[in-house]
């Protein structure tokens, strides 16, 4: 059993067999559901676990308690991957009180309609404290990070922050902390990306605290330089800033003609001195990673085929997801392909117009069928425009 501090024990669970998180995001290395127990004059459980891991979680809980009975269950976030055990733990410990936000208090019956919570919930407010003895917990509301009922908890004794879904990542608890950013980035922009402003508010609250360790609900526990780097990246991500200088090319090609042009453009960009060019095939590669890269880079080139007098669906899907994730503050150039009636560029522009602070760069390059030598000057000019 991991010990976070002499009186804080880790009882989280790895699920290495789950292929998808939230039924949509690939998790090739599995997923972990972090949970903790604080042992003091009074005992507090910090969140439960996903239903897939509840039996092993209860074993870990019993080991951590060593015969003690918990006084409190602190609920930071009500999504079922963290709260599935609430009703079971309430039945196991009838004198235990649930600590949560006021919004969570109204939402708990939505997930446990057959339980009576009337006298067993204490809703806390911003800045309210709870003494366990030597541990004093302070609660900070974090609405829309990424649900409205979310809160985080700061333990002043051990200087740890229980950060709910903030600072989480895909993968298991013992994933390499030096590689935190890769899957944390994919996690953030697909799970929390829409809510940059609420995350920024939370970051300002965190900046006033002396935090030695961040304990998220998913992924590795963060301390030292890893913690500092995570905070630096979250400040960039939540402000929709540019993390990496370079160009990201996303292409959606029916028969490979548009793909070939996108790859040619990538070569042109590198030849012109662009140090970082990332490229993805929206038809075959993980869309969640494409969304991650669209947020990571400040300059994006979209290349797509026309389809049914509109836009090839993989690109339409991609832009739709960027829109609902609040993608913004980027420079974009467009390549369209259409053998007899190019329409992809028009639709892409219409979709981009619905997004905030998107600047179109250069003239749309229109291909008809395969890329020809005569098309290369237009690609060269587009590269110059996006690199300005």
Protein backbone atom coordinates (compact mmCIF):
# COMPACT_ATOMS: atom_id res chain seq x y z
CA UNK A 1 0.00 0.00 0.00
CA UNK A 2 1.35 3.43 -0.95
CA UNK A 3 1.88 5.91 1.84
CA UNK A 4 1.52 9.54 0.75
CA UNK A 5 2.47 10.77 4.21
CA UNK A 6 2.60 9.00 7.59
CA UNK A 7 -1.14 9.53 8.03
CA UNK A 8 -2.33 9.56 4.40
CA UNK A 9 -2.70 6.19 2.70
CA UNK A 10 -3.37 5.47 -0.96
CA UNK A 11 -6.23 3.06 -1.68
CA UNK A 12 -6.75 3.80 -5.37
CA UNK A 13 -7.15 1.10 -7.98
CA UNK A 14 -5.72 0.36 -11.41
CA UNK A 15 -7.96 -1.01 -14.15
CA UNK A 16 -5.60 -2.30 -16.82
CA UNK A 17 -8.38 -3.98 -18.81
CA UNK A 18 -10.60 -1.02 -19.64
CA UNK A 19 -10.25 -0.24 -23.38
CA UNK A 20 -12.13 3.08 -23.32
CA UNK A 21 -12.52 5.90 -20.83
CA UNK A 22 -15.96 7.53 -20.82
CA UNK A 23 -16.80 5.04 -23.60
CA UNK A 24 -14.84 7.12 -26.13
CA UNK A 25 -11.16 7.68 -25.25
CA UNK A 26 -8.66 4.89 -25.89
CA UNK A 27 -6.75 3.78 -22.81
CA UNK A 28 -4.14 1.28 -24.05
CA UNK A 29 -2.34 1.36 -20.68
CA UNK A 30 -5.55 1.22 -18.65
CA UNK A 31 -6.85 3.74 -16.14
CA UNK A 32 -6.47 4.36 -12.43
CA UNK A 33 -8.99 5.68 -9.95
CA UNK A 34 -7.19 7.41 -7.09
CA UNK A 35 -8.58 7.38 -3.59
CA UNK A 36 -7.05 8.07 -0.18
CA UNK A 37 -7.62 7.67 3.55
CA UNK A 38 -6.48 10.24 6.13
CA UNK A 39 -5.92 8.67 9.56
CA UNK A 40 -6.15 11.16 12.44
CA UNK A 41 -8.31 11.65 15.54
CA UNK A 42 -11.06 11.47 12.96
CA UNK A 43 -10.78 9.46 9.75
CA UNK A 44 -11.65 10.71 6.28
CA UNK A 45 -11.97 8.74 3.05
CA UNK A 46 -11.17 10.87 0.02
CA UNK A 47 -13.42 9.58 -2.81
CA UNK A 48 -14.27 5.97 -3.71
CA UNK A 49 -13.71 4.26 -7.08
CA UNK A 50 -15.22 3.00 -10.31
CA UNK A 51 -17.70 0.10 -10.11
CA UNK A 52 -15.27 -2.13 -12.03
CA UNK A 53 -12.79 -1.91 -9.16
CA UNK A 54 -15.04 -1.61 -6.10
CA UNK A 55 -14.33 -5.05 -4.64
CA UNK A 56 -10.57 -4.55 -4.64
CA UNK A 57 -11.07 -0.98 -3.41
CA UNK A 58 -13.00 -2.24 -0.37
CA UNK A 59 -10.15 -4.61 0.45
CA UNK A 60 -7.66 -1.72 0.27
CA UNK A 61 -9.96 0.42 2.41
CA UNK A 62 -10.14 -2.22 5.14
CA UNK A 63 -6.35 -2.58 5.15
CA UNK A 64 -5.88 1.17 5.46
CA UNK A 65 -8.44 1.56 8.25
CA UNK A 66 -6.90 -1.21 10.41
CA UNK A 67 -10.13 -1.58 12.33
CA UNK A 68 -10.91 2.16 12.52
CA UNK A 69 -14.27 3.47 11.33
CA UNK A 70 -14.35 6.47 8.99
CA UNK A 71 -16.02 9.63 10.19
CA UNK A 72 -16.20 11.30 6.79
CA UNK A 73 -16.33 10.52 3.09
CA UNK A 74 -15.17 13.54 1.09
CA UNK A 75 -16.71 13.57 -2.40
CA UNK A 76 -14.79 15.83 -4.78
CA UNK A 77 -16.54 14.80 -7.99
CA UNK A 78 -19.70 12.78 -8.57
CA UNK A 79 -18.86 11.14 -11.89
CA UNK A 80 -19.41 7.39 -11.41
CA UNK A 81 -15.74 6.52 -11.93
CA UNK A 82 -15.09 8.19 -8.55
CA UNK A 83 -18.36 7.80 -6.68
CA UNK A 84 -19.67 4.32 -7.41
CA UNK A 85 -18.96 3.19 -3.84
CA UNK A 86 -20.90 5.90 -2.03
CA UNK A 87 -23.98 3.82 -1.22
CA UNK A 88 -21.93 0.76 -0.20
CA UNK A 89 -19.69 2.74 2.14
CA UNK A 90 -22.70 4.45 3.67
CA UNK A 91 -24.22 1.03 4.40
CA UNK A 92 -20.94 -0.26 5.83
CA UNK A 93 -20.48 2.74 8.13
CA UNK A 94 -23.89 4.11 9.21
CA UNK A 95 -22.35 6.87 11.36
CA UNK A 96 -20.23 8.29 8.54
CA UNK A 97 -20.96 11.78 7.14
CA UNK A 98 -20.54 12.75 3.49
CA UNK A 99 -18.71 16.02 2.86
CA UNK A 100 -19.38 17.60 -0.54
CA UNK A 101 -20.32 20.82 -2.32
CA UNK A 102 -23.86 22.16 -2.20
CA UNK A 103 -24.30 21.31 -5.87
CA UNK A 104 -23.13 17.75 -5.25
CA UNK A 105 -25.69 17.44 -2.47
CA UNK A 106 -28.47 18.12 -4.97
CA UNK A 107 -26.98 15.73 -7.54
CA UNK A 108 -26.23 12.67 -5.39
CA UNK A 109 -29.85 11.38 -5.53
CA UNK A 110 -29.55 11.29 -9.33
CA UNK A 111 -27.07 8.43 -8.97
CA UNK A 112 -28.38 6.80 -5.80
CA UNK A 113 -32.17 7.17 -5.96
CA UNK A 114 -32.82 4.41 -3.43
CA UNK A 115 -30.62 5.82 -0.67
CA UNK A 116 -31.62 8.25 2.04
CA UNK A 117 -29.06 11.03 2.44
CA UNK A 118 -31.19 13.48 4.41
CA UNK A 119 -29.19 13.59 7.66
CA UNK A 120 -25.89 12.26 6.41
CA UNK A 121 -24.58 14.99 4.12
CA UNK A 122 -22.75 18.15 5.10
CA UNK A 123 -22.45 20.62 2.23
CA UNK A 124 -19.40 22.86 2.55
CA UNK A 125 -18.75 26.32 1.15
CA UNK A 126 -15.74 28.04 -0.39
CA UNK A 127 -12.92 28.27 2.15
CA UNK A 128 -14.73 26.25 4.81
CA UNK A 129 -12.49 24.05 6.96
CA UNK A 130 -12.80 20.66 8.63
CA UNK A 131 -10.48 19.56 11.43
CA UNK A 132 -9.60 15.89 11.69
CA UNK A 133 -7.20 16.53 14.59
CA UNK A 134 -3.76 17.50 13.33
CA UNK A 135 -5.05 17.67 9.76
CA UNK A 136 -7.10 20.69 8.78
CA UNK A 137 -8.87 20.39 5.45
CA UNK A 138 -9.89 23.48 3.49
CA UNK A 139 -12.38 23.17 0.67
CA UNK A 140 -12.29 25.21 -2.54
CA UNK A 141 -15.07 25.11 -5.09
CA UNK A 142 -14.06 24.27 -8.67
CA UNK A 143 -17.31 24.41 -10.66
CA UNK A 144 -17.05 23.25 -14.29
CA UNK A 145 -13.68 21.60 -13.78
CA UNK A 146 -15.31 19.82 -15.45
CA UNK A 147 -18.72 19.26 -13.78
CA UNK A 148 -20.61 21.93 -11.79
CA UNK A 149 -20.35 20.16 -8.41
CA UNK A 150 -16.55 19.75 -8.34
CA UNK A 151 -14.45 20.89 -5.39
CA UNK A 152 -10.84 20.37 -4.31
CA UNK A 153 -9.36 19.95 -0.83
CA UNK A 154 -6.15 21.33 0.66
CA UNK A 155 -4.54 19.61 3.66
CA UNK A 156 -2.39 22.23 5.40
CA UNK A 157 -0.57 19.68 7.59
CA UNK A 158 0.96 17.72 4.72
CA UNK A 159 0.62 20.52 2.13
CA UNK A 160 -1.18 18.26 -0.31
CA UNK A 161 -3.94 19.20 -2.75
CA UNK A 162 -6.65 16.67 -3.57
CA UNK A 163 -7.31 18.13 -7.02
CA UNK A 164 -10.28 16.09 -8.34
CA UNK A 165 -10.01 15.66 -12.14
CA UNK A 166 -7.58 18.57 -12.48
CA UNK A 167 -4.03 17.37 -13.25
CA UNK A 168 -5.35 13.93 -14.17
CA UNK A 169 -4.14 11.79 -17.06
CA UNK A 170 -4.90 8.56 -18.85
CA UNK A 171 -2.99 5.50 -17.63
CA UNK A 172 -2.24 3.70 -14.37
CA UNK A 173 -0.85 5.07 -11.12
CA UNK A 174 2.76 4.00 -11.72
CA UNK A 175 3.06 5.47 -15.21
CA UNK A 176 6.36 7.23 -15.85
CA UNK A 177 6.03 10.69 -14.22
CA UNK A 178 8.63 12.05 -16.64
CA UNK A 179 6.18 11.34 -19.48
CA UNK A 180 3.24 12.92 -17.69
CA UNK A 181 2.54 15.63 -20.27
CA UNK A 182 1.74 13.36 -23.22
CA UNK A 183 -1.33 11.60 -21.84
CA UNK A 184 -2.18 14.47 -19.48
CA UNK A 185 -2.47 16.77 -22.49
CA UNK A 186 -4.78 14.36 -24.33
CA UNK A 187 -6.79 13.99 -21.13
CA UNK A 188 -7.04 17.74 -20.43
CA UNK A 189 -8.11 18.93 -23.87
CA UNK A 190 -10.64 16.15 -24.39
CA UNK A 191 -12.08 16.18 -20.85
CA UNK A 192 -11.59 19.75 -19.59
CA UNK A 193 -10.61 21.67 -22.73
CA UNK A 194 -13.94 23.45 -23.06
CA UNK A 195 -13.62 24.90 -19.57
CA UNK A 196 -10.43 26.95 -19.75
CA UNK A 197 -11.88 29.87 -17.82
CA UNK A 198 -13.02 27.80 -14.80
CA UNK A 199 -9.67 25.99 -14.79
CA UNK A 200 -7.90 29.37 -14.78
CA UNK A 201 -9.95 30.41 -11.75
CA UNK A 202 -8.89 27.24 -9.96
CA UNK A 203 -5.24 27.84 -10.89
CA UNK A 204 -5.40 31.27 -9.22
CA UNK A 205 -6.71 29.65 -6.04
CA UNK A 206 -3.94 27.05 -6.12
CA UNK A 207 -1.30 29.75 -6.56
CA UNK A 208 -2.10 31.08 -3.07
CA UNK A 209 -1.38 27.71 -1.42
CA UNK A 210 1.88 26.07 -0.44
CA UNK A 211 1.51 22.77 -2.27
CA UNK A 212 4.14 20.04 -1.97
CA UNK A 213 2.12 17.35 -3.70
CA UNK A 214 -0.90 17.22 -6.02
CA UNK A 215 -3.14 14.16 -5.71
CA UNK A 216 -5.44 13.96 -8.76
CA UNK A 217 -8.23 11.44 -9.22
CA UNK A 218 -6.46 9.92 -12.24
CA UNK A 219 -2.83 9.25 -12.99
CA UNK A 220 0.45 9.72 -11.11
CA UNK A 221 0.74 11.75 -7.93
CA UNK A 222 2.73 14.92 -8.62
CA UNK A 223 5.54 16.41 -6.57
CA UNK A 224 8.79 18.28 -7.05
CA UNK A 225 9.72 19.34 -10.58
CA UNK A 226 6.91 17.21 -12.04
CA UNK A 227 4.35 19.18 -10.02
CA UNK A 228 5.88 22.50 -11.08
CA UNK A 229 5.84 21.49 -14.74
CA UNK A 230 2.22 20.36 -14.49
CA UNK A 231 1.22 23.73 -13.04
CA UNK A 232 3.15 25.56 -15.79
CA UNK A 233 1.38 23.56 -18.50
CA UNK A 234 -2.06 23.97 -16.91
CA UNK A 235 -1.61 27.73 -16.94
CA UNK A 236 -0.87 27.58 -20.68
CA UNK A 237 -3.64 25.12 -21.48
CA UNK A 238 -6.34 26.88 -19.48
CA UNK A 239 -5.58 30.21 -21.19
CA UNK A 240 -5.68 28.58 -24.67
CA UNK A 241 -2.07 29.60 -25.13
CA UNK A 242 0.45 28.02 -27.50
CA UNK A 243 2.50 25.31 -25.85
CA UNK A 244 4.72 24.33 -28.80
CA UNK A 245 5.86 26.52 -31.69
CA UNK A 246 5.28 24.75 -34.99
CA UNK A 247 2.59 23.70 -37.44
CA UNK A 248 0.00 20.95 -37.11
CA UNK A 249 -1.47 19.45 -40.31
CA UNK A 250 -4.70 17.45 -40.09
CA UNK A 251 -5.86 15.73 -43.28
CA UNK A 252 -8.92 13.72 -44.28
CA UNK A 253 -8.42 12.01 -47.62
CA UNK A 254 -10.76 9.58 -49.41
CA UNK A 255 -8.35 7.92 -51.80
CA UNK A 256 -5.01 9.34 -50.68
CA UNK A 257 -4.72 12.31 -53.06
CA UNK A 258 -5.30 14.92 -50.33
CA UNK A 259 -3.06 13.01 -47.95
CA UNK A 260 -0.23 13.13 -50.48
CA UNK A 261 -0.62 16.91 -50.82
CA UNK A 262 -0.61 17.32 -47.01
CA UNK A 263 2.59 15.29 -46.76
CA UNK A 264 4.15 17.38 -49.53
CA UNK A 265 3.23 20.53 -47.65
CA UNK A 266 4.85 19.13 -44.50
CA UNK A 267 8.08 18.67 -46.48
CA UNK A 268 7.83 22.21 -47.83
CA UNK A 269 7.39 23.61 -44.33
CA UNK A 270 10.43 21.73 -43.03
CA UNK A 271 12.48 22.90 -46.00
CA UNK A 272 11.49 26.47 -45.14
CA UNK A 273 12.89 26.07 -41.64
CA UNK A 274 9.84 25.08 -39.60
CA UNK A 275 11.44 23.08 -36.79
CA UNK A 276 8.31 21.21 -35.72
CA UNK A 277 5.68 19.88 -38.11
CA UNK A 278 3.13 17.39 -36.75
CA UNK A 279 0.76 15.62 -39.12
CA UNK A 280 -2.18 13.30 -38.56
CA UNK A 281 -4.54 11.21 -40.67
CA UNK A 282 -8.03 11.93 -39.36
CA UNK A 283 -9.37 8.83 -41.10
CA UNK A 284 -7.08 6.37 -39.33
CA UNK A 285 -5.50 7.89 -36.25
CA UNK A 286 -6.92 8.64 -32.82
CA UNK A 287 -9.10 11.73 -33.01
CA UNK A 288 -8.45 12.52 -29.35
CA UNK A 289 -4.75 12.86 -30.14
CA UNK A 290 -5.57 15.11 -33.10
CA UNK A 291 -7.60 17.35 -30.80
CA UNK A 292 -4.66 17.42 -28.40
CA UNK A 293 -2.32 18.62 -31.17
CA UNK A 294 -4.79 21.22 -32.42
CA UNK A 295 -4.67 22.80 -28.97
CA UNK A 296 -0.92 22.30 -28.59
CA UNK A 297 0.18 24.23 -31.68
CA UNK A 298 -0.66 27.79 -32.65
CA UNK A 299 -0.70 27.20 -36.42
CA UNK A 300 -2.95 24.57 -38.03
CA UNK A 301 -3.48 23.47 -41.62
CA UNK A 302 -6.66 21.61 -42.53
CA UNK A 303 -6.66 19.49 -45.70
CA UNK A 304 -9.83 17.66 -46.71
CA UNK A 305 -11.72 16.13 -49.60
CA UNK A 306 -15.13 17.32 -50.70
CA UNK A 307 -17.93 14.83 -50.13
CA UNK A 308 -21.65 14.84 -51.01
CA UNK A 309 -21.43 18.54 -51.92
CA UNK A 310 -20.00 19.19 -48.49
CA UNK A 311 -17.07 18.06 -46.36
CA UNK A 312 -15.56 14.59 -45.92
CA UNK A 313 -17.04 13.35 -42.58
CA UNK A 314 -13.75 12.68 -40.70
CA UNK A 315 -12.83 16.36 -41.05
CA UNK A 316 -16.38 17.47 -40.26
CA UNK A 317 -16.25 15.33 -37.11
CA UNK A 318 -12.90 16.77 -36.12
CA UNK A 319 -14.01 20.39 -36.49
CA UNK A 320 -17.26 19.65 -34.66
CA UNK A 321 -15.28 18.27 -31.72
CA UNK A 322 -12.95 21.28 -31.73
CA UNK A 323 -15.98 23.57 -31.64
CA UNK A 324 -17.59 21.87 -28.66
CA UNK A 325 -14.22 21.86 -26.87
CA UNK A 326 -14.02 25.66 -27.25
CA UNK A 327 -10.98 25.64 -29.56
CA UNK A 328 -9.80 29.20 -30.10
CA UNK A 329 -6.97 31.68 -30.66
CA UNK A 330 -5.33 29.86 -33.58
CA UNK A 331 -4.11 30.62 -37.11
CA UNK A 332 -5.53 28.27 -39.75
CA UNK A 333 -4.89 27.59 -43.44
CA UNK A 334 -7.03 25.42 -45.71
CA UNK A 335 -6.49 22.91 -48.51
CA UNK A 336 -9.54 21.46 -50.27
CA UNK A 337 -9.86 18.78 -52.92
CA UNK A 338 -12.75 18.20 -55.27
CA UNK A 339 -12.55 16.67 -58.72
CA UNK A 340 -15.57 18.40 -60.25
CA UNK A 341 -17.08 20.62 -57.51
CA UNK A 342 -14.76 21.54 -54.61
CA UNK A 343 -16.90 22.30 -51.54
CA UNK A 344 -14.71 21.27 -48.59
CA UNK A 345 -13.11 24.70 -48.18
CA UNK A 346 -16.43 26.49 -47.99
CA UNK A 347 -17.74 24.16 -45.27
CA UNK A 348 -14.51 24.32 -43.27
CA UNK A 349 -14.61 28.11 -43.32
CA UNK A 350 -18.24 28.13 -42.20
CA UNK A 351 -17.40 25.85 -39.26
CA UNK A 352 -14.36 27.91 -38.30
CA UNK A 353 -16.45 31.10 -38.30
CA UNK A 354 -18.38 29.70 -35.35
CA UNK A 355 -15.18 29.49 -33.28
CA UNK A 356 -13.50 32.25 -31.31
CA UNK A 357 -10.43 34.15 -32.53
CA UNK A 358 -9.62 31.90 -35.48
CA UNK A 359 -7.54 33.74 -38.10
CA UNK A 360 -7.53 32.36 -41.64
CA UNK A 361 -4.12 32.58 -43.28
CA UNK A 362 -3.41 32.77 -47.00
CA UNK A 363 -5.55 31.70 -49.92
CA UNK A 364 -7.34 28.36 -49.86
CA UNK A 365 -5.47 25.88 -52.03
CA UNK A 366 -7.88 23.99 -54.29
CA UNK A 367 -6.79 20.63 -55.70
CA UNK A 368 -8.65 18.69 -58.36
CA UNK A 369 -7.85 15.01 -58.08
CA UNK A 370 -4.16 14.19 -57.70
CA UNK A 371 -1.66 16.88 -56.81
CA UNK A 372 0.17 18.16 -59.87
CA UNK A 373 3.39 20.10 -60.36
CA UNK A 374 1.27 23.13 -61.14
CA UNK A 375 -0.19 22.95 -57.59
CA UNK A 376 3.16 23.19 -55.81
CA UNK A 377 3.57 27.00 -56.08
CA UNK A 378 0.23 27.42 -54.29
CA UNK A 379 1.40 25.06 -51.52
CA UNK A 380 4.66 27.02 -51.28
CA UNK A 381 2.71 30.27 -50.93
CA UNK A 382 0.43 28.73 -48.28
CA UNK A 383 3.49 27.60 -46.32
CA UNK A 384 4.88 31.14 -46.44
CA UNK A 385 1.57 32.58 -45.24
CA UNK A 386 1.21 30.21 -42.28
CA UNK A 387 4.82 30.77 -41.23
CA UNK A 388 4.60 34.57 -41.23
